[in-house]
Protein backbone atom coordinates (compact mmCIF):
# COMPACT_ATOMS: atom_id res chain seq x y z
CA MET A 1 70.12 92.49 111.49
CA GLN A 2 69.45 93.08 107.81
CA ASN A 3 70.80 90.64 105.26
CA MET A 4 73.36 92.32 103.06
CA PRO A 5 72.99 91.59 99.36
CA THR A 6 75.90 89.59 98.06
CA HIS A 7 77.51 90.07 94.69
CA LYS A 8 78.63 86.91 92.98
CA VAL A 9 81.19 87.50 90.27
CA GLU A 10 80.29 85.98 86.93
CA LEU A 11 83.26 84.49 85.14
CA PHE A 12 82.47 84.80 81.45
CA PRO A 13 83.78 82.25 78.94
CA PRO A 14 86.70 83.65 76.89
CA GLU A 15 84.58 84.01 73.72
CA VAL A 16 81.93 86.07 75.54
CA PHE A 17 84.58 88.11 77.34
CA ARG A 18 86.19 88.91 73.97
CA THR A 19 82.86 90.27 72.69
CA LEU A 20 82.37 92.35 75.84
CA LEU A 21 85.94 93.64 75.61
CA ASP A 22 85.39 94.75 72.00
CA HIS A 23 82.17 96.51 73.04
CA GLU A 24 83.75 98.29 76.01
CA VAL A 25 86.77 99.46 73.97
CA LYS A 26 84.45 100.90 71.31
CA LYS A 27 82.29 102.54 73.97
CA SER A 28 85.35 104.01 75.68
CA ARG A 29 86.63 105.32 72.36
CA ARG A 30 83.27 106.89 71.52
CA TYR A 31 82.62 108.56 74.88
CA GLY A 32 86.19 109.14 76.06
CA ASP A 33 85.70 107.13 79.26
CA SER A 34 88.56 105.45 81.07
CA LEU A 35 88.83 101.69 80.79
CA THR A 36 91.30 99.31 82.42
CA LEU A 37 92.04 95.69 81.62
CA VAL A 38 93.71 93.66 84.37
CA ASP A 39 95.56 90.42 83.59
CA LEU A 40 96.12 88.35 86.74
CA LEU A 41 98.21 85.17 86.81
CA VAL A 42 98.09 82.76 89.73
CA GLU A 43 100.86 80.26 90.59
CA THR A 44 100.84 77.85 93.52
CA ASP A 45 103.61 76.16 95.43
CA PRO A 46 103.40 73.18 95.53
CA VAL A 47 102.14 72.77 91.98
CA THR A 48 99.43 70.17 92.45
CA PRO A 49 95.86 69.91 91.15
CA GLU A 50 94.57 70.25 94.73
CA ALA A 51 96.58 73.41 95.38
CA GLY A 52 95.55 74.82 92.00
CA HIS A 53 91.87 74.20 92.72
CA SER A 54 92.11 75.66 96.22
CA ALA A 55 93.91 78.74 94.85
CA GLU A 56 91.21 79.17 92.22
CA VAL A 57 88.47 79.03 94.85
CA PHE A 58 90.42 81.49 97.02
CA ILE A 59 90.85 83.95 94.12
CA ILE A 60 87.20 83.71 93.06
CA ASN A 61 86.10 84.37 96.64
CA LEU A 62 88.34 87.47 96.76
CA LEU A 63 86.93 88.65 93.45
CA ASN A 64 83.41 88.16 94.80
CA LEU A 65 84.28 90.46 97.69
CA HIS A 66 86.22 93.13 95.81
CA LEU A 67 84.92 93.47 92.25
CA ARG A 68 82.18 95.95 91.45
CA ASP A 69 78.93 94.92 89.76
CA THR A 70 80.13 96.72 86.62
CA ASP A 71 83.46 94.85 86.38
CA ILE A 72 83.63 92.06 83.80
CA ALA A 73 85.67 88.96 84.66
CA CYS A 74 86.94 85.93 82.75
CA LYS A 75 89.09 82.93 83.66
CA ARG A 76 91.30 81.01 81.26
CA GLU A 77 93.45 78.27 82.84
CA ASN A 78 95.33 79.94 85.74
CA GLU A 79 94.78 83.46 84.41
CA PHE A 80 92.00 85.90 85.24
CA PHE A 81 91.04 88.91 83.12
CA ILE A 82 89.06 91.75 84.63
CA LEU A 83 87.70 94.62 82.60
CA MET A 84 87.05 97.73 84.68
CA PRO A 85 84.82 100.27 82.88
CA SER A 86 85.11 103.95 83.88
CA THR A 87 88.38 103.24 85.70
CA GLY A 88 91.79 104.71 84.94
CA THR A 89 95.25 103.59 86.04
CA PRO A 90 95.27 105.29 89.49
CA GLY A 91 91.93 103.81 90.58
CA ALA A 92 92.71 100.37 89.21
CA ARG A 93 96.14 100.38 90.86
CA THR A 94 94.65 101.28 94.24
CA ALA A 95 92.02 98.54 93.99
CA TRP A 96 94.43 95.84 92.79
CA GLU A 97 97.21 96.66 95.23
CA ARG A 98 94.65 96.11 98.00
CA VAL A 99 93.55 92.78 96.48
CA ARG A 100 97.17 91.76 95.81
CA LYS A 101 98.03 92.20 99.50
CA LEU A 102 95.17 89.89 100.43
CA MET A 103 96.47 87.31 97.94
CA SER A 104 100.04 87.43 99.24
CA THR A 105 99.33 85.54 102.44
CA ASP A 106 99.71 81.79 102.94
CA SER A 107 96.41 80.05 102.36
CA GLN A 108 94.92 76.84 103.66
CA THR A 109 93.08 74.22 101.63
CA ASP A 110 89.95 72.51 102.87
CA ASN A 111 91.90 69.47 104.06
CA GLY A 112 94.41 71.55 106.05
CA ALA A 113 97.30 71.30 103.57
CA SER A 114 98.92 74.66 102.96
CA PHE A 115 100.16 76.25 99.78
CA ASN A 116 101.86 79.49 98.82
CA LEU A 117 100.18 81.69 96.28
CA SER A 118 102.10 83.92 93.86
CA THR A 119 100.09 86.43 91.88
CA PHE A 120 101.35 88.63 89.11
CA ILE A 121 99.21 91.51 87.92
CA GLY A 122 99.55 93.49 84.73
CA MET A 123 97.17 96.13 83.46
CA ALA A 124 96.59 98.47 80.58
CA SER A 125 94.35 101.52 80.60
CA LEU A 126 92.54 103.73 78.12
CA PRO A 127 92.28 106.72 77.37
CA MET A 128 96.05 106.76 77.14
CA ASP A 129 95.61 105.85 73.50
CA HIS A 130 92.01 105.56 72.31
CA SER A 131 93.16 104.63 68.83
CA ILE A 132 94.26 101.09 69.78
CA SER A 133 92.16 98.04 69.05
CA SER A 134 90.87 95.62 71.65
CA ASP A 135 93.56 93.14 70.48
CA GLU A 136 96.32 95.69 71.15
CA PHE A 137 94.69 96.60 74.45
CA SER A 138 94.74 92.91 75.51
CA ARG A 139 98.30 92.53 74.31
CA ASN A 140 99.37 95.55 76.38
CA ALA A 141 97.86 94.08 79.55
CA SER A 142 99.52 90.72 78.79
CA LEU A 143 102.89 92.41 78.23
CA ALA A 144 102.59 94.15 81.60
CA LEU A 145 101.78 90.77 83.21
CA GLN A 146 104.74 89.11 81.49
CA HIS A 147 107.00 91.90 82.72
CA ALA A 148 105.76 91.37 86.29
CA ARG A 149 106.16 87.59 86.07
CA ILE A 150 109.62 87.55 84.43
CA ASN A 151 110.93 90.07 86.95
CA ARG A 152 109.04 88.36 89.84
CA LEU A 153 107.44 91.72 90.73
CA MET A 154 104.81 91.38 93.40
CA ASN A 155 103.28 94.81 92.73
CA VAL A 156 100.79 95.82 90.05
CA VAL A 157 102.54 96.67 86.77
CA ALA A 158 100.92 99.09 84.34
CA PHE A 159 101.80 98.81 80.66
CA SER A 160 102.57 102.56 80.59
CA GLU A 161 105.42 101.96 83.08
CA ILE A 162 107.28 99.35 81.06
CA GLN A 163 110.49 100.52 79.38
CA LYS A 164 110.00 100.31 75.66
């Protein structure tokens, strides 16, 4: 049996991710390509350092399995940011609904203690408005995430769907 190549997601530091985000927004604006930014928040129950660490490992393993080589990921505290070049809202929603379902199951830590994982996913997409800056683009994804979290919505929320 042939060994399958494995893709290991690289989690960029926030400063590097910011630079890559700026670059991808400019590139999308110039060429008219779709671009989606996903903002994913992870909460554990019980809220313990062990559960938080186990949840982080679980999420990173899922990202390793489901992100494409072209996707750009970052982690800040209990939040993950994933930039998906050449991807619009429908494609991103399909991908993240699939990942969200995998995250919605009870998980086990290494020592056998269990925890519940709540994930909230917000996203914003271009080319809906190519005139926005990368800061506005990030803010839109964060607003979609906040909407999902405040309303305890377990589905992916796109910024374009939020009542203004």
